[in-house]
Amino acid sequence: MDPAEERLLAETEKWLSRLEEKAASMKALKKSKELDNSMENISAYIEDCRHFLSQKDYINAFEAVVYAWGILETLERLKLIECKKGT
């Protein structure tokens, strides 16, 4: 593995671990089908990331974890979900 791949793998694993911890504490602050779908998408992107890592497809793995973070942080900023402090 070249140094760029090693760095990409390390960053992906670091952010995936943090995301999984934070996503595990997600709590919806309102009820809606759209919000449920968005929360399911976070879980789906986490699964996609794990799949891509198992295939050694580090670019798509990183992309999946970044998408999931984007959805989670957007839902937090819109005050549609809350996550445990410290995650």
C-alpha atoms as a PDB file:
ATOM      1  CA  MET A   1       0.000   0.000   0.000  1.00  0.00           C
ATOM      2  CA  ASP A   2       1.404   3.383  -0.916  1.00  0.00           C
ATOM      3  CA  PRO A   3       1.559   6.242   1.624  1.00  0.00           C
ATOM      4  CA  ALA A   4      -1.481   8.022   0.150  1.00  0.00           C
ATOM      5  CA  GLU A   5      -3.609   4.874   0.498  1.00  0.00           C
ATOM      6  CA  GLU A   6      -2.375   4.366   4.053  1.00  0.00           C
ATOM      7  CA  ARG A   7      -3.332   7.913   4.985  1.00  0.00           C
ATOM      8  CA  LEU A   8      -6.735   7.622   3.296  1.00  0.00           C
ATOM      9  CA  LEU A   9      -7.414   4.338   5.100  1.00  0.00           C
ATOM     10  CA  ALA A  10      -6.360   5.782   8.463  1.00  0.00           C
ATOM     11  CA  GLU A  11      -8.535   8.883   8.045  1.00  0.00           C
ATOM     12  CA  THR A  12     -11.517   6.825   6.900  1.00  0.00           C
ATOM     13  CA  GLU A  13     -11.247   4.441   9.850  1.00  0.00           C
ATOM     14  CA  LYS A  14     -10.838   7.335  12.296  1.00  0.00           C
ATOM     15  CA  TRP A  15     -13.920   9.194  11.040  1.00  0.00           C
ATOM     16  CA  LEU A  16     -15.959   6.009  10.650  1.00  0.00           C
ATOM     17  CA  SER A  17     -15.313   5.114  14.288  1.00  0.00           C
ATOM     18  CA  ARG A  18     -16.356   8.572  15.464  1.00  0.00           C
ATOM     19  CA  LEU A  19     -19.408   8.536  13.225  1.00  0.00           C
ATOM     20  CA  GLU A  20     -20.569   5.130  14.437  1.00  0.00           C
ATOM     21  CA  GLU A  21     -20.299   6.290  18.040  1.00  0.00           C
ATOM     22  CA  LYS A  22     -22.200   9.500  17.353  1.00  0.00           C
ATOM     23  CA  ALA A  23     -24.839   7.831  15.163  1.00  0.00           C
ATOM     24  CA  ALA A  24     -25.512   5.259  17.883  1.00  0.00           C
ATOM     25  CA  SER A  25     -26.702   8.093  20.129  1.00  0.00           C
ATOM     26  CA  MET A  26     -28.913   9.816  17.499  1.00  0.00           C
ATOM     27  CA  LYS A  27     -32.358  10.768  18.685  1.00  0.00           C
ATOM     28  CA  ALA A  28     -35.018  12.268  16.438  1.00  0.00           C
ATOM     29  CA  LEU A  29     -36.547  15.463  17.823  1.00  0.00           C
ATOM     30  CA  LYS A  30     -39.611  15.276  15.613  1.00  0.00           C
ATOM     31  CA  LYS A  31     -41.530  12.650  13.686  1.00  0.00           C
ATOM     32  CA  SER A  32     -41.489  12.629   9.916  1.00  0.00           C
ATOM     33  CA  LYS A  33     -40.971  10.116   7.165  1.00  0.00           C
ATOM     34  CA  GLU A  34     -38.311  12.366   5.592  1.00  0.00           C
ATOM     35  CA  LEU A  35     -36.335  12.503   8.832  1.00  0.00           C
ATOM     36  CA  ASP A  36     -36.599   8.722   9.244  1.00  0.00           C
ATOM     37  CA  ASN A  37     -35.300   8.315   5.678  1.00  0.00           C
ATOM     38  CA  SER A  38     -32.393  10.664   6.342  1.00  0.00           C
ATOM     39  CA  MET A  39     -31.437   8.776   9.491  1.00  0.00           C
ATOM     40  CA  GLU A  40     -31.636   5.497   7.561  1.00  0.00           C
ATOM     41  CA  ASN A  41     -29.346   7.011   4.935  1.00  0.00           C
ATOM     42  CA  ILE A  42     -26.721   7.677   7.597  1.00  0.00           C
ATOM     43  CA  SER A  43     -26.816   3.996   8.553  1.00  0.00           C
ATOM     44  CA  ALA A  44     -26.724   2.944   4.897  1.00  0.00           C
ATOM     45  CA  TYR A  45     -23.651   5.085   4.209  1.00  0.00           C
ATOM     46  CA  ILE A  46     -21.942   3.587   7.264  1.00  0.00           C
ATOM     47  CA  GLU A  47     -22.646   0.112   5.865  1.00  0.00           C
ATOM     48  CA  ASP A  48     -21.423   1.224   2.437  1.00  0.00           C
ATOM     49  CA  CYS A  49     -18.218   2.519   3.983  1.00  0.00           C
ATOM     50  CA  ARG A  50     -17.597  -0.814   5.714  1.00  0.00           C
ATOM     51  CA  HIS A  51     -18.277  -2.653   2.431  1.00  0.00           C
ATOM     52  CA  PHE A  52     -15.881  -0.458   0.469  1.00  0.00           C
ATOM     53  CA  LEU A  53     -13.206  -0.892   3.141  1.00  0.00           C
ATOM     54  CA  SER A  54     -13.561  -4.674   2.877  1.00  0.00           C
ATOM     55  CA  GLN A  55     -13.046  -4.339  -0.897  1.00  0.00           C
ATOM     56  CA  LYS A  56     -10.012  -2.074  -0.351  1.00  0.00           C
ATOM     57  CA  ASP A  57     -11.858   0.674  -2.245  1.00  0.00           C
ATOM     58  CA  TYR A  58     -10.586   3.464  -0.022  1.00  0.00           C
ATOM     59  CA  ILE A  59     -11.794   6.382  -2.123  1.00  0.00           C
ATOM     60  CA  ASN A  60     -15.432   5.265  -2.097  1.00  0.00           C
ATOM     61  CA  ALA A  61     -15.150   4.302   1.578  1.00  0.00           C
ATOM     62  CA  PHE A  62     -13.971   7.802   2.445  1.00  0.00           C
ATOM     63  CA  GLU A  63     -16.676   9.315   0.265  1.00  0.00           C
ATOM     64  CA  ALA A  64     -19.372   7.279   2.053  1.00  0.00           C
ATOM     65  CA  VAL A  65     -18.208   8.321   5.526  1.00  0.00           C
ATOM     66  CA  VAL A  66     -18.077  11.972   4.447  1.00  0.00           C
ATOM     67  CA  TYR A  67     -21.631  11.798   3.045  1.00  0.00           C
ATOM     68  CA  ALA A  68     -22.894  10.260   6.275  1.00  0.00           C
ATOM     69  CA  TRP A  69     -21.200  12.967   8.369  1.00  0.00           C
ATOM     70  CA  GLY A  70     -22.742  15.621   6.156  1.00  0.00           C
ATOM     71  CA  ILE A  71     -26.241  14.275   6.658  1.00  0.00           C
ATOM     72  CA  LEU A  72     -25.782  13.867  10.408  1.00  0.00           C
ATOM     73  CA  GLU A  73     -24.361  17.352  10.928  1.00  0.00           C
ATOM     74  CA  THR A  74     -27.059  18.925   8.760  1.00  0.00           C
ATOM     75  CA  LEU A  75     -29.801  17.225  10.788  1.00  0.00           C
ATOM     76  CA  GLU A  76     -28.141  18.421  14.002  1.00  0.00           C
ATOM     77  CA  ARG A  77     -27.831  22.012  12.773  1.00  0.00           C
ATOM     78  CA  LEU A  78     -31.473  22.009  11.730  1.00  0.00           C
ATOM     79  CA  LYS A  79     -32.297  20.758  15.238  1.00  0.00           C
ATOM     80  CA  LEU A  80     -34.036  17.695  13.848  1.00  0.00           C
ATOM     81  CA  ILE A  81     -31.861  15.261  15.813  1.00  0.00           C
ATOM     82  CA  GLU A  82     -29.643  15.358  18.843  1.00  0.00           C
ATOM     83  CA  CYS A  83     -26.658  13.224  19.715  1.00  0.00           C
ATOM     84  CA  LYS A  84     -25.010  12.581  23.038  1.00  0.00           C
ATOM     85  CA  LYS A  85     -22.537  15.265  24.089  1.00  0.00           C
ATOM     86  CA  GLY A  86     -18.879  14.348  23.839  1.00  0.00           C
ATOM     87  CA  THR A  87     -19.262  12.303  20.658  1.00  0.00           C
END
